[in-house]
Structures are given as structure tokens and as C-alpha cells.
Amino acid sequence: MLDEKRLSQLELPGHETVVEIPERMLQFFPGVNGGVGSNV
């Protein structure tokens, strides 16, 4: 994420950043959707 205003609202250490992914991609991240989905 490159939006400085949004990044400033997060309490992140200086060496960390944020990656924004579309909601439709959450199915590929079992830790996000409770481990369910067509590819889990």
C-alpha cells in the first residue's frame, strides 16, 4: 500500500509495510477465511 494517509493510521514498525489484496483472493489464504475454500 502506498497511501501515506492510510499507512499513518497503522502502528507499524519502520521496517514493516502492508500489502493490500482484493477480497476475492482471500480464498487462497486459509488463515484468513478459517481454513475453508475450494483450494484448501
C-alpha atoms as a PDB file:
ATOM      1  CA  MET A   1       0.000   0.000   0.000  1.00  0.00           C
ATOM      2  CA  LEU A   2       1.406   3.368  -0.955  1.00  0.00           C
ATOM      3  CA  ASP A   3      -1.272   5.615   0.573  1.00  0.00           C
ATOM      4  CA  GLU A   4       0.636   7.574   3.245  1.00  0.00           C
ATOM      5  CA  LYS A   5      -2.578   8.743   4.938  1.00  0.00           C
ATOM      6  CA  ARG A   6      -3.821   5.176   5.413  1.00  0.00           C
ATOM      7  CA  LEU A   7      -0.384   3.906   6.436  1.00  0.00           C
ATOM      8  CA  SER A   8      -0.081   6.622   9.079  1.00  0.00           C
ATOM      9  CA  GLN A   9      -3.221   5.238  10.771  1.00  0.00           C
ATOM     10  CA  LEU A  10      -1.471   1.901  11.394  1.00  0.00           C
ATOM     11  CA  GLU A  11       1.031   1.316  14.157  1.00  0.00           C
ATOM     12  CA  LEU A  12       3.731  -0.419  12.135  1.00  0.00           C
ATOM     13  CA  PRO A  13       7.446  -0.579  12.916  1.00  0.00           C
ATOM     14  CA  GLY A  14       9.535   1.351  10.403  1.00  0.00           C
ATOM     15  CA  HIS A  15      10.866  -1.824   8.784  1.00  0.00           C
ATOM     16  CA  GLU A  16       7.398  -3.266   8.044  1.00  0.00           C
ATOM     17  CA  THR A  17       4.834  -2.442   5.379  1.00  0.00           C
ATOM     18  CA  VAL A  18       1.370  -3.511   4.246  1.00  0.00           C
ATOM     19  CA  VAL A  19       0.254  -5.454   1.203  1.00  0.00           C
ATOM     20  CA  GLU A  20      -3.329  -4.912   0.156  1.00  0.00           C
ATOM     21  CA  ILE A  21      -5.050  -7.801  -1.614  1.00  0.00           C
ATOM     22  CA  PRO A  22      -8.520  -7.944  -3.181  1.00  0.00           C
ATOM     23  CA  GLU A  23     -11.208  -9.668  -1.119  1.00  0.00           C
ATOM     24  CA  ARG A  24     -11.729 -12.223  -3.901  1.00  0.00           C
ATOM     25  CA  MET A  25      -8.190 -13.519  -3.225  1.00  0.00           C
ATOM     26  CA  LEU A  26      -8.903 -14.336   0.457  1.00  0.00           C
ATOM     27  CA  GLN A  27      -9.990 -17.844  -0.524  1.00  0.00           C
ATOM     28  CA  PHE A  28      -6.309 -18.674  -1.075  1.00  0.00           C
ATOM     29  CA  PHE A  29      -5.317 -17.670   2.483  1.00  0.00           C
ATOM     30  CA  PRO A  30      -6.631 -20.364   4.876  1.00  0.00           C
ATOM     31  CA  GLY A  31      -5.633 -18.368   7.966  1.00  0.00           C
ATOM     32  CA  VAL A  32      -7.927 -15.540   6.881  1.00  0.00           C
ATOM     33  CA  ASN A  33     -11.056 -17.486   5.984  1.00  0.00           C
ATOM     34  CA  GLY A  34     -10.958 -20.163   8.668  1.00  0.00           C
ATOM     35  CA  GLY A  35      -9.269 -22.797   6.508  1.00  0.00           C
ATOM     36  CA  VAL A  36     -12.168 -23.327   4.151  1.00  0.00           C
ATOM     37  CA  GLY A  37     -12.276 -22.843   0.432  1.00  0.00           C
ATOM     38  CA  SER A  38     -12.084 -24.747  -2.801  1.00  0.00           C
ATOM     39  CA  ASN A  39      -8.267 -24.894  -2.838  1.00  0.00           C
ATOM     40  CA  VAL A  40      -7.627 -25.878   0.786  1.00  0.00           C
END
